[in-house]
Amino acid sequence: MTYEYFPTGVCSRKMTIEIGEDGTILHAEVIGGCHGNLQGICRLVEGRDAASVIKTLEGIKCGNKGTSCPDQLSKALKNITSQKA
């Protein structure tokens, strides 16, 4: 299933994430933000278990912000996995 998430406190504006029935991230895309870095992050998380990605990315900060695009991706994944439960 494909989900949309609208991050807050960061430069990116929208995250689209496709999760398989087994909790594996099939596809991820981020609109806005640092395009090259976010493309790289999306490719790195594809094929991984959402729970593992949450643990890896949660709490990463960008500069003086209390969050970052990777942290927002972990929040998106938390929302998705809680909806599926």
C-alpha atoms as a PDB file:
ATOM      1  CA  MET A   1       0.000   0.000   0.000  1.00  0.00           C
ATOM      2  CA  THR A   2       1.181   3.541  -0.719  1.00  0.00           C
ATOM      3  CA  TYR A   3       1.060   6.255   1.944  1.00  0.00           C
ATOM      4  CA  GLU A   4       1.653  10.012   1.897  1.00  0.00           C
ATOM      5  CA  TYR A   5       3.193  11.960   4.764  1.00  0.00           C
ATOM      6  CA  PHE A   6       3.633  15.718   5.055  1.00  0.00           C
ATOM      7  CA  PRO A   7       6.728  16.430   7.171  1.00  0.00           C
ATOM      8  CA  THR A   8       7.023  19.399   9.534  1.00  0.00           C
ATOM      9  CA  GLY A   9      10.024  21.441  10.606  1.00  0.00           C
ATOM     10  CA  VAL A  10      12.143  20.501   7.571  1.00  0.00           C
ATOM     11  CA  CYS A  11      12.656  21.600   3.971  1.00  0.00           C
ATOM     12  CA  SER A  12      10.973  18.576   2.400  1.00  0.00           C
ATOM     13  CA  ARG A  13       7.252  18.964   1.710  1.00  0.00           C
ATOM     14  CA  LYS A  14       5.932  15.477   1.017  1.00  0.00           C
ATOM     15  CA  MET A  15       6.972  11.847   1.450  1.00  0.00           C
ATOM     16  CA  THR A  16       5.417   8.997  -0.501  1.00  0.00           C
ATOM     17  CA  ILE A  17       6.139   5.544   0.863  1.00  0.00           C
ATOM     18  CA  GLU A  18       5.038   2.132  -0.378  1.00  0.00           C
ATOM     19  CA  ILE A  19       5.100  -0.644   2.224  1.00  0.00           C
ATOM     20  CA  GLY A  20       4.624  -4.349   1.525  1.00  0.00           C
ATOM     21  CA  GLU A  21       2.420  -6.629   3.612  1.00  0.00           C
ATOM     22  CA  ASP A  22       5.528  -7.933   5.387  1.00  0.00           C
ATOM     23  CA  GLY A  23       6.591  -4.423   6.509  1.00  0.00           C
ATOM     24  CA  THR A  24       9.280  -4.022   3.862  1.00  0.00           C
ATOM     25  CA  ILE A  25       9.696  -0.604   2.249  1.00  0.00           C
ATOM     26  CA  LEU A  26       9.111  -1.177  -1.453  1.00  0.00           C
ATOM     27  CA  HIS A  27       9.547   2.435  -2.597  1.00  0.00           C
ATOM     28  CA  ALA A  28      10.167   5.833  -1.009  1.00  0.00           C
ATOM     29  CA  GLU A  29      10.184   9.311  -2.535  1.00  0.00           C
ATOM     30  CA  VAL A  30      10.667  12.736  -0.961  1.00  0.00           C
ATOM     31  CA  ILE A  31       9.601  16.016  -2.571  1.00  0.00           C
ATOM     32  CA  GLY A  32      11.579  19.107  -1.598  1.00  0.00           C
ATOM     33  CA  GLY A  33      14.659  19.260   0.585  1.00  0.00           C
ATOM     34  CA  CYS A  34      18.177  18.269  -0.458  1.00  0.00           C
ATOM     35  CA  HIS A  35      17.305  16.289  -3.557  1.00  0.00           C
ATOM     36  CA  GLY A  36      20.495  14.259  -3.973  1.00  0.00           C
ATOM     37  CA  ASN A  37      20.756  13.319  -0.304  1.00  0.00           C
ATOM     38  CA  LEU A  38      17.095  12.361  -0.087  1.00  0.00           C
ATOM     39  CA  GLN A  39      17.297  10.257  -3.252  1.00  0.00           C
ATOM     40  CA  GLY A  40      20.202   8.414  -1.646  1.00  0.00           C
ATOM     41  CA  ILE A  41      18.320   7.873   1.616  1.00  0.00           C
ATOM     42  CA  CYS A  42      15.281   6.584  -0.275  1.00  0.00           C
ATOM     43  CA  ARG A  43      17.373   4.083  -2.208  1.00  0.00           C
ATOM     44  CA  LEU A  44      19.078   2.927   0.980  1.00  0.00           C
ATOM     45  CA  VAL A  45      15.792   2.263   2.809  1.00  0.00           C
ATOM     46  CA  GLU A  46      14.090   0.443  -0.071  1.00  0.00           C
ATOM     47  CA  GLY A  47      14.063  -3.297   0.591  1.00  0.00           C
ATOM     48  CA  ARG A  48      14.577  -2.825   4.344  1.00  0.00           C
ATOM     49  CA  ASP A  49      12.154  -3.565   7.140  1.00  0.00           C
ATOM     50  CA  ALA A  50      10.311  -0.412   8.292  1.00  0.00           C
ATOM     51  CA  ALA A  51      11.017  -1.138  11.984  1.00  0.00           C
ATOM     52  CA  SER A  52      14.743  -1.333  11.293  1.00  0.00           C
ATOM     53  CA  VAL A  53      14.700   1.948   9.349  1.00  0.00           C
ATOM     54  CA  ILE A  54      12.796   3.667  12.172  1.00  0.00           C
ATOM     55  CA  LYS A  55      15.508   2.624  14.654  1.00  0.00           C
ATOM     56  CA  THR A  56      18.249   3.827  12.321  1.00  0.00           C
ATOM     57  CA  LEU A  57      16.807   7.248  11.419  1.00  0.00           C
ATOM     58  CA  GLU A  58      14.860   8.270  14.520  1.00  0.00           C
ATOM     59  CA  GLY A  59      16.280  11.284  16.359  1.00  0.00           C
ATOM     60  CA  ILE A  60      18.642  12.564  13.639  1.00  0.00           C
ATOM     61  CA  LYS A  61      18.715  16.365  13.707  1.00  0.00           C
ATOM     62  CA  CYS A  62      19.519  18.897  10.962  1.00  0.00           C
ATOM     63  CA  GLY A  63      21.450  21.903  12.239  1.00  0.00           C
ATOM     64  CA  ASN A  64      19.542  23.709  14.999  1.00  0.00           C
ATOM     65  CA  LYS A  65      16.258  22.063  14.038  1.00  0.00           C
ATOM     66  CA  GLY A  66      14.780  19.544  16.430  1.00  0.00           C
ATOM     67  CA  THR A  67      14.265  17.152  13.524  1.00  0.00           C
ATOM     68  CA  SER A  68      15.541  16.301  10.040  1.00  0.00           C
ATOM     69  CA  CYS A  69      14.241  14.710   6.852  1.00  0.00           C
ATOM     70  CA  PRO A  70      15.507  11.267   7.982  1.00  0.00           C
ATOM     71  CA  ASP A  71      13.825  11.775  11.379  1.00  0.00           C
ATOM     72  CA  GLN A  72      10.606  12.801   9.625  1.00  0.00           C
ATOM     73  CA  LEU A  73      10.843   9.653   7.494  1.00  0.00           C
ATOM     74  CA  SER A  74      11.028   7.616  10.718  1.00  0.00           C
ATOM     75  CA  LYS A  75       7.909   9.440  11.974  1.00  0.00           C
ATOM     76  CA  ALA A  76       6.128   8.677   8.697  1.00  0.00           C
ATOM     77  CA  LEU A  77       7.027   5.004   9.023  1.00  0.00           C
ATOM     78  CA  LYS A  78       5.804   4.954  12.635  1.00  0.00           C
ATOM     79  CA  ASN A  79       2.463   6.400  11.505  1.00  0.00           C
ATOM     80  CA  ILE A  80       2.187   3.859   8.704  1.00  0.00           C
ATOM     81  CA  THR A  81       3.055   0.857  10.846  1.00  0.00           C
ATOM     82  CA  SER A  82       0.623   1.952  13.578  1.00  0.00           C
ATOM     83  CA  GLN A  83      -2.170   2.226  10.952  1.00  0.00           C
ATOM     84  CA  LYS A  84      -1.411  -1.287   9.714  1.00  0.00           C
ATOM     85  CA  ALA A  85      -1.566  -2.801  13.207  1.00  0.00           C
END
